[in-house]
Amino acid sequence: MNYADIKRIDVANGLGVRVSLFVSGCSHHCKGCFNEETWDFNYGKPFTEAEIEQILDYLKPDYIKGLSLLGGEPFEYVNQQGLLPLLRRFKSLYPQKDVWCYTGYDFEKDIQGKMMVMWPETRELLRYIDILVDGEFEMDKKDLSLRFRGSSNQRIINVKRSLAENKVCLEEEFYK
């Protein structure tokens, strides 16, 4: 897996002060994407143990609320495989901190309906993710007033509740 950027301090991609990892590679190619260069799976640098250590170090301060995963596309298969070593260590070191993940895939149709069936990595990845913002960015539904979303079709999903209740559970506080 390659990555495009690691932001040590990010307040735009999830609740509170966060560390954000932007992975490379995305097959959605949404019109109006804010991060078009990350469509290329070869863009950026290889994601290695050194980057994992750097991210884990950035997450140490108490004021850091959690980790955000963006792209590119974190749910591309190669990126799922690349993210798992980081997330395993993250949750073991910082169980009180949360993970937000942004994906262009639809939670029910693509992630639950296909990926979870085909790849055990998807099931494991979802165990570490607290909040999932799903859905492709749609230029005609772009709305700058939305919290943590670029377009109105995207949803902010509580992953653990959704999996436990076997239905999509939205984080209603972000829709007010």
Protein backbone atom coordinates (compact mmCIF):
# COMPACT_ATOMS: atom_id res chain seq x y z
CA MET A 1 0.00 0.00 0.00
CA ASN A 2 1.11 3.54 -0.70
CA TYR A 3 0.03 6.63 1.16
CA ALA A 4 -0.32 10.25 0.05
CA ASP A 5 -0.07 12.09 3.37
CA ILE A 6 -0.10 11.84 7.14
CA LYS A 7 -1.57 14.84 8.95
CA ARG A 8 -0.34 15.13 12.51
CA ILE A 9 -3.15 17.55 13.44
CA ASP A 10 -6.52 17.43 11.66
CA VAL A 11 -9.82 18.91 12.84
CA ALA A 12 -11.78 18.57 9.58
CA ASN A 13 -12.07 14.79 9.19
CA GLY A 14 -13.80 13.62 12.33
CA LEU A 15 -14.69 14.80 15.80
CA GLY A 16 -11.96 16.49 17.83
CA VAL A 17 -8.26 16.77 17.10
CA ARG A 18 -7.12 13.79 15.06
CA VAL A 19 -4.26 12.20 13.18
CA SER A 20 -5.22 11.48 9.57
CA LEU A 21 -3.79 9.02 7.08
CA PHE A 22 -4.54 9.52 3.38
CA VAL A 23 -4.02 6.26 1.49
CA SER A 24 -3.32 6.05 -2.25
CA GLY A 25 -5.52 4.21 -4.70
CA CYS A 26 -9.16 4.70 -5.54
CA SER A 27 -11.32 3.22 -8.27
CA HIS A 28 -14.32 5.55 -7.73
CA HIS A 29 -12.93 8.61 -9.53
CA CYS A 30 -15.69 10.90 -8.24
CA LYS A 31 -16.21 14.07 -10.27
CA GLY A 32 -15.08 17.00 -8.11
CA CYS A 33 -12.93 14.86 -5.80
CA PHE A 34 -10.83 17.04 -3.49
CA ASN A 35 -7.93 14.58 -3.59
CA GLU A 36 -7.73 13.41 -7.21
CA GLU A 37 -4.00 12.65 -7.12
CA THR A 38 -4.70 9.82 -4.68
CA TRP A 39 -6.64 7.84 -7.29
CA ASP A 40 -3.32 6.39 -8.45
CA PHE A 41 -2.33 3.34 -6.39
CA ASN A 42 1.35 4.18 -7.01
CA TYR A 43 1.05 7.80 -5.84
CA GLY A 44 3.00 8.84 -2.75
CA LYS A 45 5.29 6.63 -0.75
CA PRO A 46 5.18 3.03 0.50
CA PHE A 47 3.40 2.62 3.84
CA THR A 48 5.92 0.83 6.05
CA GLU A 49 6.55 0.03 9.70
CA ALA A 50 8.24 3.44 10.00
CA GLU A 51 4.99 5.24 9.10
CA ILE A 52 3.04 3.05 11.51
CA GLU A 53 5.45 4.02 14.31
CA GLN A 54 5.20 7.69 13.34
CA ILE A 55 1.39 7.63 13.41
CA LEU A 56 1.30 5.79 16.74
CA ASP A 57 3.69 8.39 18.16
CA TYR A 58 1.52 11.25 16.85
CA LEU A 59 -1.48 9.66 18.61
CA LYS A 60 0.14 9.70 22.09
CA PRO A 61 -1.05 13.09 23.39
CA ASP A 62 -4.27 13.05 25.40
CA TYR A 63 -5.75 15.85 23.29
CA ILE A 64 -5.70 13.60 20.19
CA LYS A 65 -9.19 12.06 19.99
CA GLY A 66 -8.41 9.46 17.34
CA LEU A 67 -7.32 8.38 13.91
CA SER A 68 -9.02 9.18 10.58
CA LEU A 69 -8.53 7.10 7.42
CA LEU A 70 -9.13 8.75 4.07
CA GLY A 71 -7.88 8.54 0.56
CA GLY A 72 -7.80 7.51 -1.99
CA GLU A 73 -10.01 4.70 -0.78
CA PRO A 74 -9.30 2.82 2.48
CA PHE A 75 -11.63 -0.04 1.44
CA GLU A 76 -9.75 -0.95 -1.73
CA TYR A 77 -8.56 -4.49 -1.02
CA VAL A 78 -4.84 -3.68 -1.08
CA ASN A 79 -5.46 -0.78 1.31
CA GLN A 80 -7.45 -2.92 3.72
CA GLN A 81 -4.46 -5.25 3.91
CA GLY A 82 -2.10 -2.30 4.40
CA LEU A 83 -4.20 -0.69 7.14
CA LEU A 84 -4.74 -3.75 9.32
CA PRO A 85 -1.26 -3.78 10.95
CA LEU A 86 -1.72 -0.12 11.93
CA LEU A 87 -5.24 -0.62 13.28
CA ARG A 88 -4.33 -3.71 15.30
CA ARG A 89 -1.58 -1.80 17.07
CA PHE A 90 -3.65 1.39 17.37
CA LYS A 91 -6.54 -0.33 19.16
CA SER A 92 -4.18 -2.23 21.44
CA LEU A 93 -2.28 0.93 22.45
CA TYR A 94 -5.18 3.41 22.46
CA PRO A 95 -8.44 1.56 23.17
CA GLN A 96 -10.07 4.81 24.37
CA LYS A 97 -9.45 6.59 21.05
CA ASP A 98 -11.68 6.19 18.01
CA VAL A 99 -11.27 5.51 14.30
CA TRP A 100 -13.15 7.39 11.59
CA CYS A 101 -12.98 6.07 8.05
CA TYR A 102 -14.14 7.72 4.82
CA THR A 103 -15.19 5.47 1.94
CA GLY A 104 -16.91 5.91 -1.38
CA TYR A 105 -18.39 2.45 -1.02
CA ASP A 106 -21.95 1.89 0.21
CA PHE A 107 -21.99 0.21 3.64
CA GLU A 108 -24.81 -2.27 2.98
CA LYS A 109 -24.39 -2.99 -0.72
CA ASP A 110 -20.62 -2.99 -1.15
CA ILE A 111 -19.04 -3.52 2.26
CA GLN A 112 -21.53 -5.87 3.91
CA GLY A 113 -22.98 -7.33 0.71
CA LYS A 114 -19.72 -8.07 -1.10
CA MET A 115 -16.48 -7.32 0.74
CA MET A 116 -17.39 -8.99 4.03
CA VAL A 117 -18.37 -12.11 2.09
CA MET A 118 -15.23 -12.21 -0.08
CA TRP A 119 -12.49 -10.97 2.26
CA PRO A 120 -11.88 -11.77 5.94
CA GLU A 121 -9.82 -8.55 6.08
CA THR A 122 -13.00 -6.50 5.72
CA ARG A 123 -14.59 -8.10 8.77
CA GLU A 124 -11.48 -7.43 10.82
CA LEU A 125 -11.13 -3.87 9.53
CA LEU A 126 -14.70 -3.08 10.56
CA ARG A 127 -13.98 -4.27 14.11
CA TYR A 128 -11.56 -1.36 14.50
CA ILE A 129 -13.67 1.36 12.86
CA ASP A 130 -16.05 3.35 15.06
CA ILE A 131 -17.47 5.81 12.52
CA LEU A 132 -17.77 5.24 8.78
CA VAL A 133 -18.64 8.02 6.37
CA ASP A 134 -19.90 6.17 3.30
CA GLY A 135 -20.92 7.00 -0.25
CA GLU A 136 -19.23 8.53 -3.23
CA PHE A 137 -18.87 12.28 -3.36
CA GLU A 138 -21.59 13.61 -5.68
CA MET A 139 -20.91 17.05 -7.12
CA ASP A 140 -24.60 17.87 -7.62
CA LYS A 141 -25.20 17.15 -3.91
CA LYS A 142 -22.20 19.09 -2.64
CA ASP A 143 -23.08 21.05 0.49
CA LEU A 144 -20.46 23.02 2.41
CA SER A 145 -22.76 23.32 5.44
CA LEU A 146 -22.64 19.57 6.18
CA ARG A 147 -20.51 18.35 9.06
CA PHE A 148 -17.84 15.81 8.10
CA ARG A 149 -19.35 15.13 4.67
CA GLY A 150 -18.89 16.64 1.23
CA SER A 151 -22.25 15.77 -0.30
CA SER A 152 -25.71 15.11 1.13
CA ASN A 153 -25.86 11.49 -0.06
CA GLN A 154 -23.00 10.52 2.27
CA ARG A 155 -23.87 9.06 5.66
CA ILE A 156 -22.15 9.07 9.05
CA ILE A 157 -22.57 5.54 10.38
CA ASN A 158 -21.92 4.09 13.82
CA VAL A 159 -20.26 0.84 12.70
CA LYS A 160 -20.36 -1.10 15.97
CA ARG A 161 -24.06 -0.39 16.55
CA SER A 162 -24.88 -1.10 12.91
CA LEU A 163 -23.17 -4.49 13.00
CA ALA A 164 -24.72 -5.40 16.37
CA GLU A 165 -28.23 -4.38 15.32
CA ASN A 166 -27.87 -5.62 11.72
CA LYS A 167 -29.12 -2.30 10.33
CA VAL A 168 -27.54 1.04 9.51
CA CYS A 169 -27.36 3.23 12.60
CA LEU A 170 -26.60 6.85 11.77
CA GLU A 171 -24.80 9.17 14.17
CA GLU A 172 -27.75 11.56 14.47
CA GLU A 173 -25.76 14.24 16.36
CA PHE A 174 -23.92 15.11 13.12
CA TYR A 175 -27.12 15.71 11.16
CA LYS A 176 -28.37 18.64 13.28
